[in-house]
Amino acid sequence: MEIIRLLVDSTRDVDPSASPEFLRQIEGLSQEYEEVHVKRTVEPMKVHEKPVIDVSLAGTDSGTVRPVESRRYSGVFYQTPENAEYVPSEMVAYQRFIDRL
C-alpha cells in the first residue's frame, strides 16, 4: 500500500490533470488487495501450523505484525528480505532457549 500511496502522491504532484476520483480508486483497490493478501498469508499458518514470513519491500504505517480479524495468527511483513531471513534463525535460537528451561 505504501508504494501505491507514493506513486499516487507523485502523480498528483506532477500531473494536475490526473483524475482525483481515479487516483482514489487506485488507493482503494490497493487497500482491498493488501487486506486480502494479509488474510491469504495467514491461511497456510492455520493449516500447517508453521510461520509464514512475508516481505513488503516498503515501509508502512501498519507495522510488521498485521492482525487479522477472527484469526489466531497474524500476518508478518518485513521491509527487506534480509530482515525476513534473519527471523527463522532467531526463532530456532529462541526454541533452544525455551528447551533448556
Protein backbone atom coordinates (compact mmCIF):
# COMPACT_ATOMS: atom_id res chain seq x y z
CA MET A 1 0.00 0.00 0.00
CA GLU A 2 2.85 2.35 0.82
CA ILE A 3 4.34 2.01 -2.68
CA ILE A 4 0.96 2.76 -4.27
CA ARG A 5 0.49 5.74 -1.96
CA LEU A 6 3.86 7.15 -3.03
CA LEU A 7 3.04 6.62 -6.72
CA VAL A 8 -0.36 8.27 -6.39
CA ASP A 9 1.12 11.22 -4.47
CA SER A 10 3.78 11.64 -7.16
CA THR A 11 1.13 11.55 -9.86
CA ARG A 12 -0.86 14.25 -8.06
CA ASP A 13 2.26 16.40 -7.83
CA VAL A 14 3.36 16.13 -11.47
CA ASP A 15 0.06 15.75 -13.31
CA PRO A 16 -2.67 18.16 -12.20
CA SER A 17 -4.94 16.77 -14.91
CA ALA A 18 -4.96 13.29 -13.30
CA SER A 19 -8.46 12.42 -12.22
CA PRO A 20 -8.76 12.65 -8.41
CA GLU A 21 -11.51 10.04 -8.49
CA PHE A 22 -9.32 7.62 -10.46
CA LEU A 23 -6.44 8.09 -8.02
CA ARG A 24 -8.79 7.47 -5.06
CA GLN A 25 -9.99 4.28 -6.78
CA ILE A 26 -6.40 3.11 -7.19
CA GLU A 27 -5.76 3.69 -3.49
CA GLY A 28 -8.99 1.93 -2.51
CA LEU A 29 -8.33 -1.11 -4.70
CA SER A 30 -4.77 -1.33 -3.41
CA GLN A 31 -6.01 -1.24 0.18
CA GLU A 32 -8.50 -4.03 -0.55
CA TYR A 33 -5.80 -6.09 -2.25
CA GLU A 34 -3.46 -5.67 0.72
CA GLU A 35 -6.14 -6.79 3.17
CA VAL A 36 -6.87 -9.90 1.10
CA HIS A 37 -3.15 -10.62 0.74
CA VAL A 38 -2.63 -10.46 4.51
CA LYS A 39 -5.57 -12.85 5.07
CA ARG A 40 -4.23 -15.28 2.46
CA THR A 41 -0.80 -15.17 4.07
CA VAL A 42 -2.32 -16.27 7.38
CA GLU A 43 -4.21 -19.26 5.92
CA PRO A 44 -1.16 -21.55 5.45
CA MET A 45 -0.15 -20.81 9.05
CA LYS A 46 -3.51 -22.12 10.19
CA VAL A 47 -3.33 -25.23 8.02
CA HIS A 48 0.31 -26.19 8.59
CA GLU A 49 0.89 -24.54 12.00
CA LYS A 50 4.14 -23.06 10.69
CA PRO A 51 5.13 -19.40 10.41
CA VAL A 52 4.88 -17.53 7.14
CA ILE A 53 7.17 -14.53 6.89
CA ASP A 54 6.48 -12.08 4.08
CA VAL A 55 8.38 -9.13 2.64
CA SER A 56 6.64 -5.85 1.81
CA LEU A 57 9.63 -4.01 0.25
CA ALA A 58 8.33 -0.72 1.62
CA GLY A 59 7.96 1.00 4.95
CA THR A 60 4.43 1.03 6.23
CA ASP A 61 2.29 2.60 8.91
CA SER A 62 0.74 -0.82 9.55
CA GLY A 63 3.79 -2.25 11.28
CA THR A 64 5.49 -5.62 10.95
CA VAL A 65 2.70 -7.68 12.51
CA ARG A 66 -0.72 -7.31 10.92
CA PRO A 67 -3.55 -8.82 12.95
CA VAL A 68 -6.34 -10.48 11.00
CA GLU A 69 -9.81 -10.28 12.49
CA SER A 70 -11.14 -13.57 13.88
CA ARG A 71 -7.86 -15.39 13.12
CA ARG A 72 -5.45 -16.96 15.58
CA TYR A 73 -2.40 -15.89 13.57
CA SER A 74 -1.32 -12.51 12.26
CA GLY A 75 0.46 -11.61 9.05
CA VAL A 76 4.16 -10.85 9.45
CA PHE A 77 5.73 -8.48 6.92
CA TYR A 78 9.31 -7.25 6.92
CA GLN A 79 10.60 -4.36 4.84
CA THR A 80 13.57 -6.22 3.38
CA PRO A 81 14.41 -9.84 2.53
CA GLU A 82 17.49 -9.53 4.73
CA ASN A 83 15.34 -8.75 7.77
CA ALA A 84 12.93 -11.56 6.93
CA GLU A 85 15.66 -14.17 6.53
CA TYR A 86 17.02 -13.32 9.98
CA VAL A 87 13.76 -14.31 11.68
CA PRO A 88 13.87 -18.13 11.32
CA SER A 89 17.33 -18.36 12.89
CA GLU A 90 16.12 -16.26 15.82
CA MET A 91 13.06 -18.49 16.17
CA VAL A 92 15.33 -21.55 16.35
CA ALA A 93 17.56 -19.84 18.92
CA TYR A 94 14.51 -18.94 21.00
CA GLN A 95 13.19 -22.52 20.85
CA ARG A 96 16.58 -23.83 22.01
CA PHE A 97 16.48 -21.35 24.88
CA ILE A 98 12.99 -22.50 25.87
CA ASP A 99 14.03 -26.15 25.65
CA ARG A 100 16.86 -25.52 28.13
CA LEU A 101 14.49 -24.11 30.77
